[in-house]
Structure formats: C-alpha cells, structure tokens
Amino acid sequence: METTKNVNILFSSIGRRVELVQLAKKALIDSKNKGKIIGIDIDKNAPALYFCDESYIVPECDNDEFIENIIQICNENEVSLIIPTIDTELPFLSRNKDYIESKTNAILMISDKRVIETFYDKRMTNKFFKEIGIITPKIYNKIEEINDFPVIAKPITGSASTGIIKVMNKPELVFIKDRKDYIIQECINGDEITIDVLYDFKGNIISIGMRKRIRIRGGEVQIGETLFNNDILENIKIISKHLDFKGGVTFQAFTNDKGVFFIECNPRFGGGLPFTIIAGANFIKYLIMLLDNKNPSIILGKDYKQGLIFSRYDQSIVIDDD
C-alpha cells in the first residue's frame, strides 16, 4: 500500500506507550508515507516522548491553555490526526472538537459527546447497557441489599482499574458505606475479555480485535491471548447502533456459561492495543488509509490471528545523563 498524502499523527498524553509509537512509525513506513509521529504529555520524563519524531510538554487538560497548545502544535506540524490515549482528557477534547478542527487541518479522533458522558460515569454505563438489552453486572444501590459475596467496589469515574477492590464479606463493606464516589457491583466469574474496535469517521466498524486478559498489572494487560467470539461481535454491533462512536474504542467484558457480560467502555485506544495490531488488525494502517481517502476492505475478524499469546515487559531508557 502506498499513500499519496503525508499523514502526521499526534498522540495526546503519550506516557509509556512506546510500543504504540513504534508500531505507528512502522505503519507509516509500510505505507510508504513520509509522515511523522508527534507526542505530547504533561511530564517531560514520559518515556514515549523520546521515541516520537517531535515531542512537546503541554499543561494538564483542565488548564485553559491545553486546547490552545494542541492547536498550535497541530499547525506547526501539519497534523492530520489527533489520537487521545487517556480517559481524563476525553471530556475536554470532546467539548472542543469542533473548535480544534476549525483552527487546524487535523481530525480529532474522538467519539460523540454522548459517548464520552455515557462511559465516563459507570452508573450511566450500567443504565445504558440495560436499556439496549446488553447483559451487564448488577449495581447495588444499598449495602443492605448485598447478600452474595464477593462484590466489586469501584470509583464511579475511575479508569485503568485504579481503586477497584474485591470485597469478600459484609464487614469489609464498612469503608465504602459513606463513599459517594464509589459503586458496588456484582462480581462476575469467567474469562475477562478486552475488545478493541476501530470505527471510521462516519461511525462504521472497520476492524475488531479481542483478547483474553491472563495477567494484569496496573490496570493494563501484561499477558494476554488473542481470540474471536461471534457473540461478542454481535453485542458490539448492537451497542454501535445506539451511539455515535468514532476512532478507537475499548470495551471490557466477561464471558462464562451464562453469556457475555459487558462491564465498561473506554472511548479511546486501550493500553493493550499493540496486541491487536501485531495480531493483524492494524488500526494505525487503516487510519492512514482513511486519511488518504482509501477505504480498508475488511471482513471483521478475518484480518486477525487467534490463539497468539503475548507477554509485555518493561525496558529502561536514559533521558538525562547530566
């Protein structure tokens, strides 16, 4: 595949996503594209910044200068596509999508504002899944209702598994009794599945990858196995009919003999996306094609190798030798 347009991609809050940067660069090279990868972060020590072609330090997303900084960086680098990577920045970027795109030549790869609002609050997520007939764990409104243990206590607006606690009995519920920022959810046993979905800029599903989470560290998969499940795919199709998704989206579900239970959704690239790309569902390649006005010809699942086991590891770099 050869592209006719230079595609410059900006990753926001690039953090530790070194492998994603490397795979994005490879996708550009394989596409014979002379574009570059730009990374931004609030932390000058973020390792992935040092693997980008251009890197910038920006204010936190709730700072008034955050959006203006992005616009300036996009214009300086002729950015074609902005890809967010963390949940906390999604509401700010979503509210400013039209403004950013009007001031630059970049497409902001972010879903509709209703998508961000629905999945930022886990109570709204649970309500949405129930309303459209998707199986999801029960949320307990009162501690007195809980008789079956264990249960899961989690922050209402948390991400990356931060603050999630498995509660084994009633005495352990004491800490959560007066916490208004937590929900208590039914604990589902089974295989935990992450589903990476890529939508085009009109909301059509382009590609999908699934993986079983074998071992997790810090909210991200450390060891996983690729798979494909038609029941999960049909559920994703149902969900996609009710909301206006764009770009990369990551769903979390459990499967057992009772069916597929959808837990949550992060409307952004997930931390384990490199698994999906390496397994053949190359989201970056497809995005480059879309930006070059070429439609990927994908039969869902056919571009994706099943049964691959991945194991991630850490590697250090020197960023200051003074």
C-alpha atoms as a PDB file:
ATOM      1  CA  MET A   1       0.000   0.000   0.000  1.00  0.00           C
ATOM      2  CA  GLU A   2       1.353   3.379  -0.982  1.00  0.00           C
ATOM      3  CA  THR A   3      -0.199   6.631   0.209  1.00  0.00           C
ATOM      4  CA  THR A   4      -0.312   9.933  -1.625  1.00  0.00           C
ATOM      5  CA  LYS A   5      -0.686  12.225   1.370  1.00  0.00           C
ATOM      6  CA  ASN A   6       1.787  12.723   4.222  1.00  0.00           C
ATOM      7  CA  VAL A   7      -0.005  11.721   7.433  1.00  0.00           C
ATOM      8  CA  ASN A   8       1.273  13.313  10.640  1.00  0.00           C
ATOM      9  CA  ILE A   9      -0.263  11.775  13.759  1.00  0.00           C
ATOM     10  CA  LEU A  10      -0.356  13.418  17.188  1.00  0.00           C
ATOM     11  CA  PHE A  11      -0.749  11.190  20.269  1.00  0.00           C
ATOM     12  CA  SER A  12      -2.000  13.069  23.314  1.00  0.00           C
ATOM     13  CA  SER A  13      -0.826  12.006  26.821  1.00  0.00           C
ATOM     14  CA  ILE A  14       1.569   9.557  25.233  1.00  0.00           C
ATOM     15  CA  GLY A  15       3.043   8.474  28.591  1.00  0.00           C
ATOM     16  CA  ARG A  16       4.518   4.953  28.452  1.00  0.00           C
ATOM     17  CA  ARG A  17       3.065   3.916  25.087  1.00  0.00           C
ATOM     18  CA  VAL A  18       6.445   3.322  23.461  1.00  0.00           C
ATOM     19  CA  GLU A  19       5.304   0.245  21.562  1.00  0.00           C
ATOM     20  CA  LEU A  20       2.311   2.102  20.129  1.00  0.00           C
ATOM     21  CA  VAL A  21       4.628   4.837  18.826  1.00  0.00           C
ATOM     22  CA  GLN A  22       6.925   2.218  17.290  1.00  0.00           C
ATOM     23  CA  LEU A  23       4.014   0.431  15.602  1.00  0.00           C
ATOM     24  CA  ALA A  24       2.632   3.740  14.306  1.00  0.00           C
ATOM     25  CA  LYS A  25       6.014   4.573  12.782  1.00  0.00           C
ATOM     26  CA  LYS A  26       6.168   1.129  11.177  1.00  0.00           C
ATOM     27  CA  ALA A  27       2.676   1.592   9.735  1.00  0.00           C
ATOM     28  CA  LEU A  28       3.783   4.873   8.142  1.00  0.00           C
ATOM     29  CA  ILE A  29       6.919   3.248   6.691  1.00  0.00           C
ATOM     30  CA  ASP A  30       4.983   0.218   5.397  1.00  0.00           C
ATOM     31  CA  SER A  31       2.530   2.631   3.770  1.00  0.00           C
ATOM     32  CA  LYS A  32       5.442   4.423   2.099  1.00  0.00           C
ATOM     33  CA  ASN A  33       4.223   7.520   3.888  1.00  0.00           C
ATOM     34  CA  LYS A  34       6.626  10.309   4.845  1.00  0.00           C
ATOM     35  CA  GLY A  35       4.513  11.427   7.779  1.00  0.00           C
ATOM     36  CA  LYS A  36       5.741  11.667  11.361  1.00  0.00           C
ATOM     37  CA  ILE A  37       4.614  10.883  14.887  1.00  0.00           C
ATOM     38  CA  ILE A  38       4.179  13.741  17.349  1.00  0.00           C
ATOM     39  CA  GLY A  39       3.776  13.069  21.075  1.00  0.00           C
ATOM     40  CA  ILE A  40       2.566  15.382  23.823  1.00  0.00           C
ATOM     41  CA  ASP A  41       2.455  14.893  27.582  1.00  0.00           C
ATOM     42  CA  ILE A  42       2.428  16.882  30.821  1.00  0.00           C
ATOM     43  CA  ASP A  43       5.532  15.015  32.055  1.00  0.00           C
ATOM     44  CA  LYS A  44       8.888  15.678  30.405  1.00  0.00           C
ATOM     45  CA  ASN A  45      10.048  12.262  31.667  1.00  0.00           C
ATOM     46  CA  ALA A  46       7.298  10.333  29.855  1.00  0.00           C
ATOM     47  CA  PRO A  47       9.349   7.666  28.016  1.00  0.00           C
ATOM     48  CA  ALA A  48       7.279   7.535  24.832  1.00  0.00           C
ATOM     49  CA  LEU A  49       8.108  11.190  24.117  1.00  0.00           C
ATOM     50  CA  TYR A  50      11.672  10.118  23.358  1.00  0.00           C
ATOM     51  CA  PHE A  51      10.540   7.751  20.600  1.00  0.00           C
ATOM     52  CA  CYS A  52       8.419  10.310  18.745  1.00  0.00           C
ATOM     53  CA  ASP A  53       9.673  12.346  15.786  1.00  0.00           C
ATOM     54  CA  GLU A  54       8.568  15.502  17.602  1.00  0.00           C
ATOM     55  CA  SER A  55       7.601  15.883  21.259  1.00  0.00           C
ATOM     56  CA  TYR A  56       6.086  18.656  23.370  1.00  0.00           C
ATOM     57  CA  ILE A  57       5.254  19.315  27.008  1.00  0.00           C
ATOM     58  CA  VAL A  58       1.731  20.702  27.498  1.00  0.00           C
ATOM     59  CA  PRO A  59      -0.360  21.842  30.505  1.00  0.00           C
ATOM     60  CA  GLU A  60      -2.828  19.492  32.167  1.00  0.00           C
ATOM     61  CA  CYS A  61      -6.088  19.035  30.287  1.00  0.00           C
ATOM     62  CA  ASP A  62      -8.114  21.179  32.704  1.00  0.00           C
ATOM     63  CA  ASN A  63      -5.787  24.138  32.088  1.00  0.00           C
ATOM     64  CA  ASP A  64      -7.189  26.863  29.836  1.00  0.00           C
ATOM     65  CA  GLU A  65      -4.031  26.690  27.693  1.00  0.00           C
ATOM     66  CA  PHE A  66      -4.289  22.957  26.953  1.00  0.00           C
ATOM     67  CA  ILE A  67      -6.519  23.276  23.887  1.00  0.00           C
ATOM     68  CA  GLU A  68      -4.620  26.283  22.500  1.00  0.00           C
ATOM     69  CA  ASN A  69      -1.347  24.367  22.879  1.00  0.00           C
ATOM     70  CA  ILE A  70      -2.751  21.466  20.874  1.00  0.00           C
ATOM     71  CA  ILE A  71      -3.922  23.808  18.126  1.00  0.00           C
ATOM     72  CA  GLN A  72      -0.511  25.479  17.913  1.00  0.00           C
ATOM     73  CA  ILE A  73       1.337  22.134  17.800  1.00  0.00           C
ATOM     74  CA  CYS A  74      -1.026  20.812  15.114  1.00  0.00           C
ATOM     75  CA  ASN A  75      -0.451  23.849  12.920  1.00  0.00           C
ATOM     76  CA  GLU A  76       3.324  23.821  13.391  1.00  0.00           C
ATOM     77  CA  ASN A  77       3.487  20.152  12.372  1.00  0.00           C
ATOM     78  CA  GLU A  78       0.658  19.955   9.814  1.00  0.00           C
ATOM     79  CA  VAL A  79      -1.031  17.293  11.929  1.00  0.00           C
ATOM     80  CA  SER A  80      -3.607  15.133  10.136  1.00  0.00           C
ATOM     81  CA  LEU A  81      -4.971  13.173  13.100  1.00  0.00           C
ATOM     82  CA  ILE A  82      -5.124  13.658  16.882  1.00  0.00           C
ATOM     83  CA  ILE A  83      -5.413  10.459  18.946  1.00  0.00           C
ATOM     84  CA  PRO A  84      -6.259  10.761  22.682  1.00  0.00           C
ATOM     85  CA  THR A  85      -4.989   7.989  24.957  1.00  0.00           C
ATOM     86  CA  ILE A  86      -6.355   8.643  28.484  1.00  0.00           C
ATOM     87  CA  ASP A  87      -9.867   8.985  29.882  1.00  0.00           C
ATOM     88  CA  THR A  88      -9.378  12.210  31.844  1.00  0.00           C
ATOM     89  CA  GLU A  89      -8.745  14.307  28.735  1.00  0.00           C
ATOM     90  CA  LEU A  90     -11.723  12.982  26.744  1.00  0.00           C
ATOM     91  CA  PRO A  91     -14.387  15.386  28.140  1.00  0.00           C
ATOM     92  CA  PHE A  92     -12.174  18.422  27.439  1.00  0.00           C
ATOM     93  CA  LEU A  93     -11.305  17.299  23.918  1.00  0.00           C
ATOM     94  CA  SER A  94     -14.882  16.287  23.132  1.00  0.00           C
ATOM     95  CA  ARG A  95     -16.253  19.703  24.111  1.00  0.00           C
ATOM     96  CA  ASN A  96     -13.636  21.397  21.943  1.00  0.00           C
ATOM     97  CA  LYS A  97     -13.687  19.053  18.934  1.00  0.00           C
ATOM     98  CA  ASP A  98     -15.348  21.494  16.528  1.00  0.00           C
ATOM     99  CA  TYR A  99     -13.136  24.354  17.711  1.00  0.00           C
ATOM    100  CA  ILE A 100      -9.897  22.359  17.301  1.00  0.00           C
ATOM    101  CA  GLU A 101     -10.870  21.118  13.856  1.00  0.00           C
ATOM    102  CA  SER A 102     -11.894  24.631  12.762  1.00  0.00           C
ATOM    103  CA  LYS A 103      -8.486  26.020  13.750  1.00  0.00           C
ATOM    104  CA  THR A 104      -6.385  23.193  12.264  1.00  0.00           C
ATOM    105  CA  ASN A 105      -6.346  20.712   9.378  1.00  0.00           C
ATOM    106  CA  ALA A 106      -6.485  17.825  11.851  1.00  0.00           C
ATOM    107  CA  ILE A 107      -9.254  15.340  12.578  1.00  0.00           C
ATOM    108  CA  LEU A 108      -9.745  14.747  16.299  1.00  0.00           C
ATOM    109  CA  MET A 109     -10.315  11.011  16.666  1.00  0.00           C
ATOM    110  CA  ILE A 110     -12.952  11.099  19.359  1.00  0.00           C
ATOM    111  CA  SER A 111     -16.492   9.798  19.702  1.00  0.00           C
ATOM    112  CA  ASP A 112     -19.629  11.893  20.132  1.00  0.00           C
ATOM    113  CA  LYS A 113     -20.050  13.801  23.406  1.00  0.00           C
ATOM    114  CA  ARG A 114     -22.876  11.459  24.468  1.00  0.00           C
ATOM    115  CA  VAL A 115     -20.468   8.511  24.196  1.00  0.00           C
ATOM    116  CA  ILE A 116     -17.954  10.241  26.479  1.00  0.00           C
ATOM    117  CA  GLU A 117     -20.642  11.113  29.039  1.00  0.00           C
ATOM    118  CA  THR A 118     -22.209   7.633  28.985  1.00  0.00           C
ATOM    119  CA  PHE A 119     -18.983   5.784  29.671  1.00  0.00           C
ATOM    120  CA  TYR A 120     -17.265   8.294  31.962  1.00  0.00           C
ATOM    121  CA  ASP A 121     -19.808   7.557  34.706  1.00  0.00           C
ATOM    122  CA  LYS A 122     -20.160   3.836  35.451  1.00  0.00           C
ATOM    123  CA  ARG A 123     -23.751   4.298  36.655  1.00  0.00           C
ATOM    124  CA  MET A 124     -24.688   5.712  33.251  1.00  0.00           C
ATOM    125  CA  THR A 125     -22.769   2.877  31.566  1.00  0.00           C
ATOM    126  CA  ASN A 126     -24.746   0.277  33.500  1.00  0.00           C
ATOM    127  CA  LYS A 127     -28.057   2.019  32.726  1.00  0.00           C
ATOM    128  CA  PHE A 128     -27.228   2.295  29.013  1.00  0.00           C
ATOM    129  CA  PHE A 129     -26.311  -1.395  28.651  1.00  0.00           C
ATOM    130  CA  LYS A 130     -29.538  -2.445  30.399  1.00  0.00           C
ATOM    131  CA  GLU A 131     -31.708  -0.159  28.261  1.00  0.00           C
ATOM    132  CA  ILE A 132     -30.447  -1.672  24.997  1.00  0.00           C
ATOM    133  CA  GLY A 133     -30.585  -5.290  26.208  1.00  0.00           C
ATOM    134  CA  ILE A 134     -26.879  -5.909  26.834  1.00  0.00           C
ATOM    135  CA  ILE A 135     -26.144  -8.154  29.825  1.00  0.00           C
ATOM    136  CA  THR A 136     -24.197  -6.263  32.489  1.00  0.00           C
ATOM    137  CA  PRO A 137     -23.445  -6.850  36.203  1.00  0.00           C
ATOM    138  CA  LYS A 138     -25.976  -5.628  38.751  1.00  0.00           C
ATOM    139  CA  ILE A 139     -25.222  -2.432  40.672  1.00  0.00           C
ATOM    140  CA  TYR A 140     -26.322  -2.454  44.327  1.00  0.00           C
ATOM    141  CA  ASN A 141     -27.985   0.788  45.416  1.00  0.00           C
ATOM    142  CA  LYS A 142     -27.916  -0.086  49.106  1.00  0.00           C
ATOM    143  CA  ILE A 143     -25.411  -2.077  51.146  1.00  0.00           C
ATOM    144  CA  GLU A 144     -28.335  -3.825  52.861  1.00  0.00           C
ATOM    145  CA  GLU A 145     -29.228  -5.450  49.504  1.00  0.00           C
ATOM    146  CA  ILE A 146     -25.939  -7.358  49.347  1.00  0.00           C
ATOM    147  CA  ASN A 147     -26.068 -10.988  50.425  1.00  0.00           C
ATOM    148  CA  ASP A 148     -23.846 -12.662  47.827  1.00  0.00           C
ATOM    149  CA  PHE A 149     -20.082 -12.176  48.032  1.00  0.00           C
ATOM    150  CA  PRO A 150     -17.614 -11.305  46.676  1.00  0.00           C
ATOM    151  CA  VAL A 151     -18.696  -7.970  45.166  1.00  0.00           C
ATOM    152  CA  ILE A 152     -16.678  -5.336  43.343  1.00  0.00           C
ATOM    153  CA  ALA A 153     -16.306  -1.785  44.677  1.00  0.00           C
ATOM    154  CA  LYS A 154     -15.022   0.743  42.143  1.00  0.00           C
ATOM    155  CA  PRO A 155     -14.844   4.521  41.636  1.00  0.00           C
ATOM    156  CA  ILE A 156     -17.757   5.914  39.631  1.00  0.00           C
ATOM    157  CA  THR A 157     -15.416   7.731  37.228  1.00  0.00           C
ATOM    158  CA  GLY A 158     -12.236   5.690  37.644  1.00  0.00           C
ATOM    159  CA  SER A 159     -10.027   4.291  34.891  1.00  0.00           C
ATOM    160  CA  ALA A 160      -7.136   1.829  34.446  1.00  0.00           C
ATOM    161  CA  SER A 161      -8.545  -0.320  37.314  1.00  0.00           C
ATOM    162  CA  THR A 162      -7.446   2.334  39.826  1.00  0.00           C
ATOM    163  CA  GLY A 163      -9.200   1.982  43.181  1.00  0.00           C
ATOM    164  CA  ILE A 164     -11.039  -1.252  42.354  1.00  0.00           C
ATOM    165  CA  ILE A 165     -11.479  -3.525  45.386  1.00  0.00           C
ATOM    166  CA  LYS A 166     -12.834  -7.050  45.619  1.00  0.00           C
ATOM    167  CA  VAL A 167     -14.947  -7.132  48.787  1.00  0.00           C
ATOM    168  CA  MET A 168     -15.205 -10.584  50.332  1.00  0.00           C
ATOM    169  CA  ASN A 169     -17.746 -10.086  53.159  1.00  0.00           C
ATOM    170  CA  LYS A 170     -20.067  -7.562  54.858  1.00  0.00           C
ATOM    171  CA  PRO A 171     -17.506  -6.257  57.419  1.00  0.00           C
ATOM    172  CA  GLU A 172     -15.235  -5.245  54.530  1.00  0.00           C
ATOM    173  CA  LEU A 173     -18.031  -3.009  53.192  1.00  0.00           C
ATOM    174  CA  VAL A 174     -17.572  -0.570  56.082  1.00  0.00           C
ATOM    175  CA  PHE A 175     -15.018   1.504  54.169  1.00  0.00           C
ATOM    176  CA  ILE A 176     -17.467   2.097  51.318  1.00  0.00           C
ATOM    177  CA  LYS A 177     -20.553   2.905  53.390  1.00  0.00           C
ATOM    178  CA  ASP A 178     -20.276   6.691  53.157  1.00  0.00           C
ATOM    179  CA  ARG A 179     -18.313   6.933  49.895  1.00  0.00           C
ATOM    180  CA  LYS A 180     -20.472   8.763  47.360  1.00  0.00           C
ATOM    181  CA  ASP A 181     -17.781   8.382  44.681  1.00  0.00           C
ATOM    182  CA  TYR A 182     -17.968   4.567  44.612  1.00  0.00           C
ATOM    183  CA  ILE A 183     -20.386   1.977  43.259  1.00  0.00           C
ATOM    184  CA  ILE A 184     -20.759  -1.636  44.346  1.00  0.00           C
ATOM    185  CA  GLN A 185     -21.202  -4.121  41.545  1.00  0.00           C
ATOM    186  CA  GLU A 186     -21.965  -7.816  41.225  1.00  0.00           C
ATOM    187  CA  CYS A 187     -18.778  -9.874  40.757  1.00  0.00           C
ATOM    188  CA  ILE A 188     -18.776 -11.890  37.518  1.00  0.00           C
ATOM    189  CA  ASN A 189     -16.639 -15.003  37.211  1.00  0.00           C
ATOM    190  CA  GLY A 190     -15.241 -16.102  33.881  1.00  0.00           C
ATOM    191  CA  ASP A 191     -12.744 -15.022  31.255  1.00  0.00           C
ATOM    192  CA  GLU A 192     -12.071 -11.286  31.174  1.00  0.00           C
ATOM    193  CA  ILE A 193     -12.046 -10.087  27.573  1.00  0.00           C
ATOM    194  CA  THR A 194     -10.826  -6.809  26.110  1.00  0.00           C
ATOM    195  CA  ILE A 195     -12.324  -5.819  22.767  1.00  0.00           C
ATOM    196  CA  ASP A 196     -10.563  -3.231  20.596  1.00  0.00           C
ATOM    197  CA  VAL A 197     -12.863  -1.700  17.976  1.00  0.00           C
ATOM    198  CA  LEU A 198     -11.941   0.745  15.225  1.00  0.00           C
ATOM    199  CA  TYR A 199     -14.677   2.919  13.729  1.00  0.00           C
ATOM    200  CA  ASP A 200     -14.246   5.140  10.715  1.00  0.00           C
ATOM    201  CA  PHE A 201     -15.056   8.850  10.861  1.00  0.00           C
ATOM    202  CA  LYS A 202     -18.691   8.141   9.957  1.00  0.00           C
ATOM    203  CA  GLY A 203     -19.174   5.586  12.736  1.00  0.00           C
ATOM    204  CA  ASN A 204     -18.855   2.360  10.728  1.00  0.00           C
ATOM    205  CA  ILE A 205     -16.952  -0.561  12.257  1.00  0.00           C
ATOM    206  CA  ILE A 206     -13.714  -1.059  10.335  1.00  0.00           C
ATOM    207  CA  SER A 207     -11.878  -3.643  12.427  1.00  0.00           C
ATOM    208  CA  ILE A 208     -12.060  -5.513  15.707  1.00  0.00           C
ATOM    209  CA  GLY A 209      -9.655  -7.470  17.911  1.00  0.00           C
ATOM    210  CA  MET A 210     -10.331  -9.438  21.085  1.00  0.00           C
ATOM    211  CA  ARG A 211      -8.028 -10.834  23.723  1.00  0.00           C
ATOM    212  CA  LYS A 212      -8.347 -12.719  26.998  1.00  0.00           C
ATOM    213  CA  ARG A 213      -6.606 -10.985  29.871  1.00  0.00           C
ATOM    214  CA  ILE A 214      -4.442 -13.660  31.508  1.00  0.00           C
ATOM    215  CA  ARG A 215      -2.442 -11.382  33.788  1.00  0.00           C
ATOM    216  CA  ILE A 216      -2.990  -7.696  34.592  1.00  0.00           C
ATOM    217  CA  ARG A 217      -0.673  -5.134  36.129  1.00  0.00           C
ATOM    218  CA  GLY A 218      -1.563  -1.527  36.907  1.00  0.00           C
ATOM    219  CA  GLY A 219      -4.854  -1.810  35.057  1.00  0.00           C
ATOM    220  CA  GLU A 220      -3.229  -2.911  31.782  1.00  0.00           C
ATOM    221  CA  VAL A 221      -2.815  -6.397  30.377  1.00  0.00           C
ATOM    222  CA  GLN A 222       0.612  -7.951  30.935  1.00  0.00           C
ATOM    223  CA  ILE A 223      -0.116 -11.377  29.429  1.00  0.00           C
ATOM    224  CA  GLY A 224      -2.972 -11.961  27.004  1.00  0.00           C
ATOM    225  CA  GLU A 225      -4.232 -14.335  24.325  1.00  0.00           C
ATOM    226  CA  THR A 226      -5.971 -13.283  21.114  1.00  0.00           C
ATOM    227  CA  LEU A 227      -9.351 -14.807  20.287  1.00  0.00           C
ATOM    228  CA  PHE A 228     -12.514 -14.164  18.317  1.00  0.00           C
ATOM    229  CA  ASN A 229     -16.024 -14.596  19.730  1.00  0.00           C
ATOM    230  CA  ASN A 230     -19.083 -14.139  17.497  1.00  0.00           C
ATOM    231  CA  ASP A 231     -21.408 -13.476  20.455  1.00  0.00           C
ATOM    232  CA  ILE A 232     -19.187 -10.567  21.495  1.00  0.00           C
ATOM    233  CA  LEU A 233     -19.177  -9.258  17.918  1.00  0.00           C
ATOM    234  CA  GLU A 234     -22.991  -9.316  17.749  1.00  0.00           C
ATOM    235  CA  ASN A 235     -23.179  -7.416  21.055  1.00  0.00           C
ATOM    236  CA  ILE A 236     -20.729  -4.810  19.743  1.00  0.00           C
ATOM    237  CA  LYS A 237     -22.931  -4.350  16.664  1.00  0.00           C
ATOM    238  CA  ILE A 238     -25.981  -3.743  18.883  1.00  0.00           C
ATOM    239  CA  ILE A 239     -24.121  -1.218  21.047  1.00  0.00           C
ATOM    240  CA  SER A 240     -22.808   0.547  17.946  1.00  0.00           C
ATOM    241  CA  LYS A 241     -26.329   1.139  16.629  1.00  0.00           C
ATOM    242  CA  HIS A 242     -27.217   3.254  19.661  1.00  0.00           C
ATOM    243  CA  LEU A 243     -24.222   5.585  19.967  1.00  0.00           C
ATOM    244  CA  ASP A 244     -22.053   7.613  17.602  1.00  0.00           C
ATOM    245  CA  PHE A 245     -18.608   6.044  18.006  1.00  0.00           C
ATOM    246  CA  LYS A 246     -15.563   7.332  16.132  1.00  0.00           C
ATOM    247  CA  GLY A 247     -11.967   6.067  16.007  1.00  0.00           C
ATOM    248  CA  GLY A 248     -10.547   3.641  18.566  1.00  0.00           C
ATOM    249  CA  VAL A 249     -12.765   2.285  21.359  1.00  0.00           C
ATOM    250  CA  THR A 250     -12.006  -0.352  24.011  1.00  0.00           C
ATOM    251  CA  PHE A 251     -14.716  -2.483  25.640  1.00  0.00           C
ATOM    252  CA  GLN A 252     -14.333  -4.761  28.686  1.00  0.00           C
ATOM    253  CA  ALA A 253     -16.450  -7.888  29.132  1.00  0.00           C
ATOM    254  CA  PHE A 254     -16.584 -11.245  30.904  1.00  0.00           C
ATOM    255  CA  THR A 255     -17.667 -14.498  29.303  1.00  0.00           C
ATOM    256  CA  ASN A 256     -18.961 -17.591  31.088  1.00  0.00           C
ATOM    257  CA  ASP A 257     -21.629 -20.265  30.557  1.00  0.00           C
ATOM    258  CA  LYS A 258     -24.351 -17.655  31.177  1.00  0.00           C
ATOM    259  CA  GLY A 259     -23.244 -15.449  28.287  1.00  0.00           C
ATOM    260  CA  VAL A 260     -21.315 -12.241  27.680  1.00  0.00           C
ATOM    261  CA  PHE A 261     -21.371  -9.563  30.416  1.00  0.00           C
ATOM    262  CA  PHE A 262     -20.282  -6.097  29.319  1.00  0.00           C
ATOM    263  CA  ILE A 263     -18.605  -4.171  32.131  1.00  0.00           C
ATOM    264  CA  GLU A 264     -17.432  -0.870  30.695  1.00  0.00           C
ATOM    265  CA  CYS A 265     -16.101   1.010  27.701  1.00  0.00           C
ATOM    266  CA  ASN A 266     -13.185   3.395  27.248  1.00  0.00           C
ATOM    267  CA  PRO A 267     -13.740   5.541  24.118  1.00  0.00           C
ATOM    268  CA  ARG A 268     -10.035   5.624  23.256  1.00  0.00           C
ATOM    269  CA  PHE A 269      -7.160   3.308  22.352  1.00  0.00           C
ATOM    270  CA  GLY A 270      -6.570   0.762  25.121  1.00  0.00           C
ATOM    271  CA  GLY A 271      -3.151   0.105  26.617  1.00  0.00           C
ATOM    272  CA  GLY A 272      -3.040  -3.377  25.083  1.00  0.00           C
ATOM    273  CA  LEU A 273      -3.781  -2.200  21.532  1.00  0.00           C
ATOM    274  CA  PRO A 274      -0.304  -3.306  20.326  1.00  0.00           C
ATOM    275  CA  PHE A 275      -1.501  -6.918  20.814  1.00  0.00           C
ATOM    276  CA  THR A 276      -4.332  -6.303  18.354  1.00  0.00           C
ATOM    277  CA  ILE A 277      -2.099  -4.535  15.828  1.00  0.00           C
ATOM    278  CA  ILE A 278       0.566  -7.250  15.894  1.00  0.00           C
ATOM    279  CA  ALA A 279      -2.143  -9.917  15.549  1.00  0.00           C
ATOM    280  CA  GLY A 280      -3.131  -8.391  12.218  1.00  0.00           C
ATOM    281  CA  ALA A 281      -5.887  -5.864  12.914  1.00  0.00           C
ATOM    282  CA  ASN A 282      -3.654  -2.891  12.188  1.00  0.00           C
ATOM    283  CA  PHE A 283      -5.716   0.079  13.346  1.00  0.00           C
ATOM    284  CA  ILE A 284      -2.987   2.599  12.512  1.00  0.00           C
ATOM    285  CA  LYS A 285      -2.648   1.294   8.960  1.00  0.00           C
ATOM    286  CA  TYR A 286      -6.414   1.546   8.464  1.00  0.00           C
ATOM    287  CA  LEU A 287      -6.476   5.110   9.822  1.00  0.00           C
ATOM    288  CA  ILE A 288      -3.715   6.113   7.412  1.00  0.00           C
ATOM    289  CA  MET A 289      -5.771   4.647   4.582  1.00  0.00           C
ATOM    290  CA  LEU A 290      -8.881   6.553   5.680  1.00  0.00           C
ATOM    291  CA  LEU A 291      -6.939   9.808   5.860  1.00  0.00           C
ATOM    292  CA  ASP A 292      -5.676   9.103   2.342  1.00  0.00           C
ATOM    293  CA  ASN A 293      -9.282   8.647   1.173  1.00  0.00           C
ATOM    294  CA  LYS A 294      -8.844   4.899   0.746  1.00  0.00           C
ATOM    295  CA  ASN A 295     -11.409   2.579   2.319  1.00  0.00           C
ATOM    296  CA  PRO A 296      -9.975  -0.516   4.038  1.00  0.00           C
ATOM    297  CA  SER A 297     -11.631  -3.673   2.706  1.00  0.00           C
ATOM    298  CA  ILE A 298     -12.067  -5.594   5.938  1.00  0.00           C
ATOM    299  CA  ILE A 299     -14.188  -8.619   6.831  1.00  0.00           C
ATOM    300  CA  LEU A 300     -14.405  -8.415  10.608  1.00  0.00           C
ATOM    301  CA  GLY A 301     -12.120 -10.934  12.254  1.00  0.00           C
ATOM    302  CA  LYS A 302     -10.538 -12.158   9.008  1.00  0.00           C
ATOM    303  CA  ASP A 303      -7.571  -9.790   9.452  1.00  0.00           C
ATOM    304  CA  TYR A 304      -6.941 -11.096  12.973  1.00  0.00           C
ATOM    305  CA  LYS A 305      -4.905 -14.093  14.139  1.00  0.00           C
ATOM    306  CA  GLN A 306      -6.353 -16.070  17.032  1.00  0.00           C
ATOM    307  CA  GLY A 307      -4.513 -18.051  19.699  1.00  0.00           C
ATOM    308  CA  LEU A 308      -1.453 -15.787  19.930  1.00  0.00           C
ATOM    309  CA  ILE A 309      -0.120 -15.348  23.467  1.00  0.00           C
ATOM    310  CA  PHE A 310       1.574 -12.031  24.216  1.00  0.00           C
ATOM    311  CA  SER A 311       3.703 -11.099  27.199  1.00  0.00           C
ATOM    312  CA  ARG A 312       4.745  -7.491  27.865  1.00  0.00           C
ATOM    313  CA  TYR A 313       7.856  -6.324  29.664  1.00  0.00           C
ATOM    314  CA  ASP A 314       9.458  -3.101  30.871  1.00  0.00           C
ATOM    315  CA  GLN A 315      12.585  -1.533  29.429  1.00  0.00           C
ATOM    316  CA  SER A 316      14.536   1.456  30.722  1.00  0.00           C
ATOM    317  CA  ILE A 317      15.916   4.408  28.784  1.00  0.00           C
ATOM    318  CA  VAL A 318      18.253   7.189  29.889  1.00  0.00           C
ATOM    319  CA  ILE A 319      16.581  10.563  29.418  1.00  0.00           C
ATOM    320  CA  ASP A 320      19.049  12.781  31.261  1.00  0.00           C
ATOM    321  CA  ASP A 321      22.757  11.959  31.536  1.00  0.00           C
ATOM    322  CA  ASP A 322      23.771  15.145  33.398  1.00  0.00           C
END
